[in-house]
Amino acid sequence: MALSRGEGKLKKAILDLERMKAITLFLQESFEHGEPVDIEIAKTELEDLVDKFAEVFGDQVAPQQLETARRDPEYFLRLIDLARATLIKK
């Protein structure tokens, strides 16, 4: 059975969030165990991910939450989980 356009967009959004979560978990390892250069690279990657998240879900979170997420991968993981839960409820 084919997905409707709305179902397809929802499925893609959920998959995008799962991808962001996987990447963030990987980056978190660099924050916790990486060399200084690895940590700097991880910071840049995290900021880029949060920016992508904000493009789609920025209207659902406060600007302060996005700023915190740019510095704290654990916090960003919580935002991802909240966004995913919101999508699943639709």
PDB file of N, CA and C in Angstrom:
ATOM      1  N   MET A   1       0.844  -1.179   0.000  1.00  0.00           N
ATOM      2  CA  MET A   1       0.000   0.000   0.000  1.00  0.00           C
ATOM      3  C   MET A   1       0.892   1.246   0.000  1.00  0.00           C
ATOM      4  N   ALA A   2       0.614   2.160  -0.862  1.00  0.00           N
ATOM      5  CA  ALA A   2       1.411   3.383  -0.991  1.00  0.00           C
ATOM      6  C   ALA A   2       1.053   4.360   0.131  1.00  0.00           C
ATOM      7  N   LEU A   3       2.052   5.115   0.541  1.00  0.00           N
ATOM      8  CA  LEU A   3       1.837   6.145   1.549  1.00  0.00           C
ATOM      9  C   LEU A   3       1.232   7.381   0.899  1.00  0.00           C
ATOM     10  N   SER A   4       0.333   8.044   1.626  1.00  0.00           N
ATOM     11  CA  SER A   4      -0.176   9.316   1.138  1.00  0.00           C
ATOM     12  C   SER A   4       0.940  10.341   1.239  1.00  0.00           C
ATOM     13  N   ARG A   5       0.760  11.467   0.598  1.00  0.00           N
ATOM     14  CA  ARG A   5       1.787  12.519   0.637  1.00  0.00           C
ATOM     15  C   ARG A   5       2.077  12.941   2.074  1.00  0.00           C
ATOM     16  N   GLY A   6       1.037  13.112   2.884  1.00  0.00           N
ATOM     17  CA  GLY A   6       1.221  13.505   4.282  1.00  0.00           C
ATOM     18  C   GLY A   6       1.946  12.444   5.086  1.00  0.00           C
ATOM     19  N   GLU A   7       1.595  11.178   4.841  1.00  0.00           N
ATOM     20  CA  GLU A   7       2.267  10.086   5.550  1.00  0.00           C
ATOM     21  C   GLU A   7       3.734   9.994   5.143  1.00  0.00           C
ATOM     22  N   GLY A   8       4.008  10.237   3.865  1.00  0.00           N
ATOM     23  CA  GLY A   8       5.382  10.201   3.382  1.00  0.00           C
ATOM     24  C   GLY A   8       6.225  11.298   4.014  1.00  0.00           C
ATOM     25  N   LYS A   9       5.655  12.496   4.142  1.00  0.00           N
ATOM     26  CA  LYS A   9       6.383  13.602   4.771  1.00  0.00           C
ATOM     27  C   LYS A   9       6.628  13.312   6.249  1.00  0.00           C
ATOM     28  N   LEU A  10       5.642  12.732   6.909  1.00  0.00           N
ATOM     29  CA  LEU A  10       5.779  12.388   8.318  1.00  0.00           C
ATOM     30  C   LEU A  10       6.867  11.331   8.503  1.00  0.00           C
ATOM     31  N   LYS A  11       6.841  10.314   7.669  1.00  0.00           N
ATOM     32  CA  LYS A  11       7.852   9.253   7.740  1.00  0.00           C
ATOM     33  C   LYS A  11       9.251   9.833   7.510  1.00  0.00           C
ATOM     34  N   LYS A  12       9.385  10.730   6.541  1.00  0.00           N
ATOM     35  CA  LYS A  12      10.683  11.351   6.261  1.00  0.00           C
ATOM     36  C   LYS A  12      11.149  12.178   7.446  1.00  0.00           C
ATOM     37  N   ALA A  13      10.249  12.936   8.058  1.00  0.00           N
ATOM     38  CA  ALA A  13      10.617  13.764   9.210  1.00  0.00           C
ATOM     39  C   ALA A  13      11.092  12.889  10.370  1.00  0.00           C
ATOM     40  N   ILE A  14      10.415  11.778  10.598  1.00  0.00           N
ATOM     41  CA  ILE A  14      10.821  10.867  11.670  1.00  0.00           C
ATOM     42  C   ILE A  14      12.185  10.264  11.357  1.00  0.00           C
ATOM     43  N   LEU A  15      12.400   9.853  10.120  1.00  0.00           N
ATOM     44  CA  LEU A  15      13.702   9.301   9.730  1.00  0.00           C
ATOM     45  C   LEU A  15      14.810  10.348   9.855  1.00  0.00           C
ATOM     46  N   ASP A  16      14.514  11.589   9.491  1.00  0.00           N
ATOM     47  CA  ASP A  16      15.500  12.667   9.645  1.00  0.00           C
ATOM     48  C   ASP A  16      15.881  12.852  11.113  1.00  0.00           C
ATOM     49  N   LEU A  17      14.892  12.801  11.999  1.00  0.00           N
ATOM     50  CA  LEU A  17      15.166  12.923  13.429  1.00  0.00           C
ATOM     51  C   LEU A  17      16.006  11.754  13.936  1.00  0.00           C
ATOM     52  N   GLU A  18      15.690  10.555  13.474  1.00  0.00           N
ATOM     53  CA  GLU A  18      16.465   9.380  13.889  1.00  0.00           C
ATOM     54  C   GLU A  18      17.909   9.491  13.407  1.00  0.00           C
ATOM     55  N   ARG A  19      18.099  10.016  12.214  1.00  0.00           N
ATOM     56  CA  ARG A  19      19.449  10.224  11.676  1.00  0.00           C
ATOM     57  C   ARG A  19      20.198  11.264  12.520  1.00  0.00           C
ATOM     58  N   MET A  20      19.512  12.360  12.860  1.00  0.00           N
ATOM     59  CA  MET A  20      20.129  13.390  13.706  1.00  0.00           C
ATOM     60  C   MET A  20      20.519  12.812  15.054  1.00  0.00           C
ATOM     61  N   LYS A  21      19.663  11.966  15.598  1.00  0.00           N
ATOM     62  CA  LYS A  21      19.946  11.368  16.901  1.00  0.00           C
ATOM     63  C   LYS A  21      21.187  10.476  16.819  1.00  0.00           C
ATOM     64  N   ALA A  22      21.268   9.661  15.784  1.00  0.00           N
ATOM     65  CA  ALA A  22      22.423   8.773  15.629  1.00  0.00           C
ATOM     66  C   ALA A  22      23.723   9.578  15.499  1.00  0.00           C
ATOM     67  N   ILE A  23      23.685  10.629  14.716  1.00  0.00           N
ATOM     68  CA  ILE A  23      24.878  11.463  14.539  1.00  0.00           C
ATOM     69  C   ILE A  23      25.249  12.145  15.859  1.00  0.00           C
ATOM     70  N   THR A  24      24.240  12.634  16.577  1.00  0.00           N
ATOM     71  CA  THR A  24      24.500  13.305  17.849  1.00  0.00           C
ATOM     72  C   THR A  24      25.111  12.342  18.862  1.00  0.00           C
ATOM     73  N   LEU A  25      24.628  11.109  18.895  1.00  0.00           N
ATOM     74  CA  LEU A  25      25.218  10.112  19.794  1.00  0.00           C
ATOM     75  C   LEU A  25      26.685   9.874  19.447  1.00  0.00           C
ATOM     76  N   PHE A  26      26.986   9.833  18.167  1.00  0.00           N
ATOM     77  CA  PHE A  26      28.369   9.676  17.733  1.00  0.00           C
ATOM     78  C   PHE A  26      29.204  10.884  18.156  1.00  0.00           C
ATOM     79  N   LEU A  27      28.664  12.086  17.962  1.00  0.00           N
ATOM     80  CA  LEU A  27      29.384  13.305  18.346  1.00  0.00           C
ATOM     81  C   LEU A  27      29.609  13.373  19.853  1.00  0.00           C
ATOM     82  N   GLN A  28      28.642  12.865  20.592  1.00  0.00           N
ATOM     83  CA  GLN A  28      28.748  12.887  22.047  1.00  0.00           C
ATOM     84  C   GLN A  28      30.002  12.131  22.514  1.00  0.00           C
ATOM     85  N   GLU A  29      30.345  11.065  21.817  1.00  0.00           N
ATOM     86  CA  GLU A  29      31.574  10.333  22.130  1.00  0.00           C
ATOM     87  C   GLU A  29      32.794  11.235  21.974  1.00  0.00           C
ATOM     88  N   SER A  30      32.806  12.044  20.937  1.00  0.00           N
ATOM     89  CA  SER A  30      33.923  12.975  20.733  1.00  0.00           C
ATOM     90  C   SER A  30      33.991  14.008  21.846  1.00  0.00           C
ATOM     91  N   PHE A  31      32.825  14.503  22.283  1.00  0.00           N
ATOM     92  CA  PHE A  31      32.804  15.473  23.378  1.00  0.00           C
ATOM     93  C   PHE A  31      33.366  14.855  24.655  1.00  0.00           C
ATOM     94  N   GLU A  32      33.046  13.594  24.881  1.00  0.00           N
ATOM     95  CA  GLU A  32      33.430  12.953  26.135  1.00  0.00           C
ATOM     96  C   GLU A  32      34.841  12.369  26.114  1.00  0.00           C
ATOM     97  N   HIS A  33      35.294  11.886  24.951  1.00  0.00           N
ATOM     98  CA  HIS A  33      36.557  11.145  24.918  1.00  0.00           C
ATOM     99  C   HIS A  33      37.537  11.629  23.856  1.00  0.00           C
ATOM    100  N   GLY A  34      37.188  12.678  23.144  1.00  0.00           N
ATOM    101  CA  GLY A  34      38.022  13.098  22.027  1.00  0.00           C
ATOM    102  C   GLY A  34      39.167  14.017  22.428  1.00  0.00           C
ATOM    103  N   GLU A  35      40.092  14.118  21.516  1.00  0.00           N
ATOM    104  CA  GLU A  35      41.176  15.080  21.642  1.00  0.00           C
ATOM    105  C   GLU A  35      40.594  16.478  21.398  1.00  0.00           C
ATOM    106  N   PRO A  36      41.301  17.521  21.797  1.00  0.00           N
ATOM    107  CA  PRO A  36      40.771  18.889  21.601  1.00  0.00           C
ATOM    108  C   PRO A  36      40.332  19.174  20.168  1.00  0.00           C
ATOM    109  N   VAL A  37      41.078  18.725  19.183  1.00  0.00           N
ATOM    110  CA  VAL A  37      40.689  18.981  17.790  1.00  0.00           C
ATOM    111  C   VAL A  37      39.392  18.238  17.457  1.00  0.00           C
ATOM    112  N   ASP A  38      39.216  17.037  18.008  1.00  0.00           N
ATOM    113  CA  ASP A  38      37.982  16.283  17.790  1.00  0.00           C
ATOM    114  C   ASP A  38      36.783  16.994  18.410  1.00  0.00           C
ATOM    115  N   ILE A  39      37.007  17.573  19.574  1.00  0.00           N
ATOM    116  CA  ILE A  39      35.934  18.286  20.257  1.00  0.00           C
ATOM    117  C   ILE A  39      35.512  19.514  19.458  1.00  0.00           C
ATOM    118  N   GLU A  40      36.463  20.229  18.898  1.00  0.00           N
ATOM    119  CA  GLU A  40      36.137  21.409  18.076  1.00  0.00           C
ATOM    120  C   GLU A  40      35.335  21.006  16.834  1.00  0.00           C
ATOM    121  N   ILE A  41      35.737  19.922  16.202  1.00  0.00           N
ATOM    122  CA  ILE A  41      35.000  19.426  15.033  1.00  0.00           C
ATOM    123  C   ILE A  41      33.591  19.011  15.450  1.00  0.00           C
ATOM    124  N   ALA A  42      33.479  18.328  16.581  1.00  0.00           N
ATOM    125  CA  ALA A  42      32.166  17.893  17.068  1.00  0.00           C
ATOM    126  C   ALA A  42      31.269  19.095  17.372  1.00  0.00           C
ATOM    127  N   LYS A  43      31.848  20.165  17.927  1.00  0.00           N
ATOM    128  CA  LYS A  43      31.052  21.371  18.209  1.00  0.00           C
ATOM    129  C   LYS A  43      30.465  21.943  16.925  1.00  0.00           C
ATOM    130  N   THR A  44      31.281  22.025  15.892  1.00  0.00           N
ATOM    131  CA  THR A  44      30.814  22.554  14.611  1.00  0.00           C
ATOM    132  C   THR A  44      29.724  21.670  14.021  1.00  0.00           C
ATOM    133  N   GLU A  45      29.934  20.367  14.083  1.00  0.00           N
ATOM    134  CA  GLU A  45      28.935  19.425  13.558  1.00  0.00           C
ATOM    135  C   GLU A  45      27.623  19.529  14.331  1.00  0.00           C
ATOM    136  N   LEU A  46      27.719  19.660  15.656  1.00  0.00           N
ATOM    137  CA  LEU A  46      26.509  19.779  16.478  1.00  0.00           C
ATOM    138  C   LEU A  46      25.756  21.058  16.125  1.00  0.00           C
ATOM    139  N   GLU A  47      26.473  22.149  15.979  1.00  0.00           N
ATOM    140  CA  GLU A  47      25.824  23.408  15.609  1.00  0.00           C
ATOM    141  C   GLU A  47      25.105  23.276  14.267  1.00  0.00           C
ATOM    142  N   ASP A  48      25.732  22.606  13.309  1.00  0.00           N
ATOM    143  CA  ASP A  48      25.104  22.397  12.001  1.00  0.00           C
ATOM    144  C   ASP A  48      23.834  21.554  12.125  1.00  0.00           C
ATOM    145  N   LEU A  49      23.899  20.517  12.942  1.00  0.00           N
ATOM    146  CA  LEU A  49      22.717  19.664  13.142  1.00  0.00           C
ATOM    147  C   LEU A  49      21.572  20.442  13.789  1.00  0.00           C
ATOM    148  N   VAL A  50      21.904  21.244  14.785  1.00  0.00           N
ATOM    149  CA  VAL A  50      20.867  22.042  15.451  1.00  0.00           C
ATOM    150  C   VAL A  50      20.252  23.031  14.460  1.00  0.00           C
ATOM    151  N   ASP A  51      21.065  23.600  13.594  1.00  0.00           N
ATOM    152  CA  ASP A  51      20.535  24.506  12.570  1.00  0.00           C
ATOM    153  C   ASP A  51      19.565  23.777  11.646  1.00  0.00           C
ATOM    154  N   LYS A  52      19.904  22.552  11.238  1.00  0.00           N
ATOM    155  CA  LYS A  52      18.993  21.761  10.391  1.00  0.00           C
ATOM    156  C   LYS A  52      17.704  21.440  11.140  1.00  0.00           C
ATOM    157  N   PHE A  53      17.843  21.090  12.403  1.00  0.00           N
ATOM    158  CA  PHE A  53      16.675  20.820  13.246  1.00  0.00           C
ATOM    159  C   PHE A  53      15.783  22.056  13.308  1.00  0.00           C
ATOM    160  N   ALA A  54      16.406  23.220  13.497  1.00  0.00           N
ATOM    161  CA  ALA A  54      15.660  24.471  13.633  1.00  0.00           C
ATOM    162  C   ALA A  54      14.890  24.823  12.365  1.00  0.00           C
ATOM    163  N   GLU A  55      15.419  24.439  11.202  1.00  0.00           N
ATOM    164  CA  GLU A  55      14.727  24.715   9.943  1.00  0.00           C
ATOM    165  C   GLU A  55      13.350  24.059   9.920  1.00  0.00           C
ATOM    166  N   VAL A  56      13.248  22.883  10.507  1.00  0.00           N
ATOM    167  CA  VAL A  56      11.992  22.139  10.469  1.00  0.00           C
ATOM    168  C   VAL A  56      11.173  22.319  11.743  1.00  0.00           C
ATOM    169  N   PHE A  57      11.837  22.308  12.885  1.00  0.00           N
ATOM    170  CA  PHE A  57      11.129  22.290  14.167  1.00  0.00           C
ATOM    171  C   PHE A  57      11.333  23.558  14.994  1.00  0.00           C
ATOM    172  N   GLY A  58      11.967  24.561  14.420  1.00  0.00           N
ATOM    173  CA  GLY A  58      12.269  25.784  15.155  1.00  0.00           C
ATOM    174  C   GLY A  58      11.058  26.487  15.723  1.00  0.00           C
ATOM    175  N   ASP A  59       9.913  26.312  15.090  1.00  0.00           N
ATOM    176  CA  ASP A  59       8.696  26.959  15.586  1.00  0.00           C
ATOM    177  C   ASP A  59       8.127  26.241  16.805  1.00  0.00           C
ATOM    178  N   GLN A  60       8.666  25.073  17.132  1.00  0.00           N
ATOM    179  CA  GLN A  60       8.154  24.290  18.258  1.00  0.00           C
ATOM    180  C   GLN A  60       9.014  24.415  19.515  1.00  0.00           C
ATOM    181  N   VAL A  61      10.151  25.088  19.386  1.00  0.00           N
ATOM    182  CA  VAL A  61      11.051  25.253  20.534  1.00  0.00           C
ATOM    183  C   VAL A  61      11.460  26.720  20.653  1.00  0.00           C
ATOM    184  N   ALA A  62      11.825  27.096  21.857  1.00  0.00           N
ATOM    185  CA  ALA A  62      12.245  28.471  22.108  1.00  0.00           C
ATOM    186  C   ALA A  62      13.674  28.684  21.602  1.00  0.00           C
ATOM    187  N   PRO A  63      13.991  29.916  21.209  1.00  0.00           N
ATOM    188  CA  PRO A  63      15.355  30.209  20.768  1.00  0.00           C
ATOM    189  C   PRO A  63      16.409  29.828  21.811  1.00  0.00           C
ATOM    190  N   GLN A  64      16.083  30.000  23.090  1.00  0.00           N
ATOM    191  CA  GLN A  64      17.021  29.640  24.152  1.00  0.00           C
ATOM    192  C   GLN A  64      17.295  28.139  24.153  1.00  0.00           C
ATOM    193  N   GLN A  65      16.274  27.349  23.828  1.00  0.00           N
ATOM    194  CA  GLN A  65      16.466  25.900  23.769  1.00  0.00           C
ATOM    195  C   GLN A  65      17.429  25.529  22.638  1.00  0.00           C
ATOM    196  N   LEU A  66      17.300  26.205  21.516  1.00  0.00           N
ATOM    197  CA  LEU A  66      18.198  25.935  20.404  1.00  0.00           C
ATOM    198  C   LEU A  66      19.628  26.333  20.754  1.00  0.00           C
ATOM    199  N   GLU A  67      19.779  27.456  21.445  1.00  0.00           N
ATOM    200  CA  GLU A  67      21.123  27.879  21.852  1.00  0.00           C
ATOM    201  C   GLU A  67      21.747  26.870  22.812  1.00  0.00           C
ATOM    202  N   THR A  68      20.966  26.378  23.750  1.00  0.00           N
ATOM    203  CA  THR A  68      21.472  25.370  24.679  1.00  0.00           C
ATOM    204  C   THR A  68      21.836  24.097  23.923  1.00  0.00           C
ATOM    205  N   ALA A  69      21.002  23.702  22.979  1.00  0.00           N
ATOM    206  CA  ALA A  69      21.256  22.487  22.201  1.00  0.00           C
ATOM    207  C   ALA A  69      22.540  22.602  21.383  1.00  0.00           C
ATOM    208  N   ARG A  70      22.882  23.797  20.946  1.00  0.00           N
ATOM    209  CA  ARG A  70      24.120  23.992  20.169  1.00  0.00           C
ATOM    210  C   ARG A  70      25.369  23.697  21.001  1.00  0.00           C
ATOM    211  N   ARG A  71      25.251  23.787  22.318  1.00  0.00           N
ATOM    212  CA  ARG A  71      26.399  23.558  23.205  1.00  0.00           C
ATOM    213  C   ARG A  71      26.334  22.225  23.942  1.00  0.00           C
ATOM    214  N   ASP A  72      25.158  21.629  24.004  1.00  0.00           N
ATOM    215  CA  ASP A  72      24.955  20.460  24.867  1.00  0.00           C
ATOM    216  C   ASP A  72      24.295  19.323  24.082  1.00  0.00           C
ATOM    217  N   PRO A  73      25.074  18.325  23.662  1.00  0.00           N
ATOM    218  CA  PRO A  73      24.489  17.247  22.866  1.00  0.00           C
ATOM    219  C   PRO A  73      23.402  16.466  23.617  1.00  0.00           C
ATOM    220  N   GLU A  74      23.538  16.332  24.924  1.00  0.00           N
ATOM    221  CA  GLU A  74      22.516  15.622  25.710  1.00  0.00           C
ATOM    222  C   GLU A  74      21.179  16.368  25.646  1.00  0.00           C
ATOM    223  N   TYR A  75      21.240  17.672  25.752  1.00  0.00           N
ATOM    224  CA  TYR A  75      20.030  18.492  25.659  1.00  0.00           C
ATOM    225  C   TYR A  75      19.421  18.375  24.265  1.00  0.00           C
ATOM    226  N   PHE A  76      20.273  18.390  23.246  1.00  0.00           N
ATOM    227  CA  PHE A  76      19.776  18.257  21.878  1.00  0.00           C
ATOM    228  C   PHE A  76      19.085  16.909  21.675  1.00  0.00           C
ATOM    229  N   LEU A  77      19.622  15.857  22.266  1.00  0.00           N
ATOM    230  CA  LEU A  77      18.972  14.547  22.168  1.00  0.00           C
ATOM    231  C   LEU A  77      17.566  14.589  22.764  1.00  0.00           C
ATOM    232  N   ARG A  78      17.397  15.321  23.849  1.00  0.00           N
ATOM    233  CA  ARG A  78      16.064  15.455  24.447  1.00  0.00           C
ATOM    234  C   ARG A  78      15.109  16.198  23.507  1.00  0.00           C
ATOM    235  N   LEU A  79      15.610  17.255  22.859  1.00  0.00           N
ATOM    236  CA  LEU A  79      14.759  17.979  21.904  1.00  0.00           C
ATOM    237  C   LEU A  79      14.352  17.076  20.739  1.00  0.00           C
ATOM    238  N   ILE A  80      15.289  16.282  20.261  1.00  0.00           N
ATOM    239  CA  ILE A  80      14.982  15.349  19.172  1.00  0.00           C
ATOM    240  C   ILE A  80      13.890  14.378  19.611  1.00  0.00           C
ATOM    241  N   ASP A  81      14.036  13.813  20.806  1.00  0.00           N
ATOM    242  CA  ASP A  81      13.037  12.867  21.304  1.00  0.00           C
ATOM    243  C   ASP A  81      11.673  13.519  21.457  1.00  0.00           C
ATOM    244  N   LEU A  82      11.641  14.756  21.932  1.00  0.00           N
ATOM    245  CA  LEU A  82      10.358  15.467  22.062  1.00  0.00           C
ATOM    246  C   LEU A  82       9.719  15.719  20.698  1.00  0.00           C
ATOM    247  N   ALA A  83      10.528  16.136  19.733  1.00  0.00           N
ATOM    248  CA  ALA A  83      10.002  16.382  18.384  1.00  0.00           C
ATOM    249  C   ALA A  83       9.469  15.087  17.777  1.00  0.00           C
ATOM    250  N   ARG A  84      10.194  14.007  17.972  1.00  0.00           N
ATOM    251  CA  ARG A  84       9.761  12.705  17.433  1.00  0.00           C
ATOM    252  C   ARG A  84       8.442  12.272  18.078  1.00  0.00           C
ATOM    253  N   ALA A  85       8.341  12.425  19.400  1.00  0.00           N
ATOM    254  CA  ALA A  85       7.110  12.053  20.086  1.00  0.00           C
ATOM    255  C   ALA A  85       5.933  12.876  19.593  1.00  0.00           C
ATOM    256  N   THR A  86       6.170  14.148  19.333  1.00  0.00           N
ATOM    257  CA  THR A  86       5.119  15.019  18.802  1.00  0.00           C
ATOM    258  C   THR A  86       4.659  14.546  17.431  1.00  0.00           C
ATOM    259  N   LEU A  87       5.603  14.161  16.589  1.00  0.00           N
ATOM    260  CA  LEU A  87       5.251  13.684  15.243  1.00  0.00           C
ATOM    261  C   LEU A  87       4.476  12.379  15.296  1.00  0.00           C
ATOM    262  N   ILE A  88       4.863  11.490  16.176  1.00  0.00           N
ATOM    263  CA  ILE A  88       4.213  10.182  16.260  1.00  0.00           C
ATOM    264  C   ILE A  88       2.774  10.333  16.721  1.00  0.00           C
ATOM    265  N   LYS A  89       2.500  11.326  17.560  1.00  0.00           N
ATOM    266  CA  LYS A  89       1.144  11.549  18.059  1.00  0.00           C
ATOM    267  C   LYS A  89       0.201  12.072  16.989  1.00  0.00           C
ATOM    268  N   LYS A  90       0.747  12.608  15.909  1.00  0.00           N
ATOM    269  CA  LYS A  90      -0.096  13.188  14.842  1.00  0.00           C
ATOM    270  C   LYS A  90      -0.844  12.116  14.092  1.00  0.00           C
TER     271      LYS A  90
END
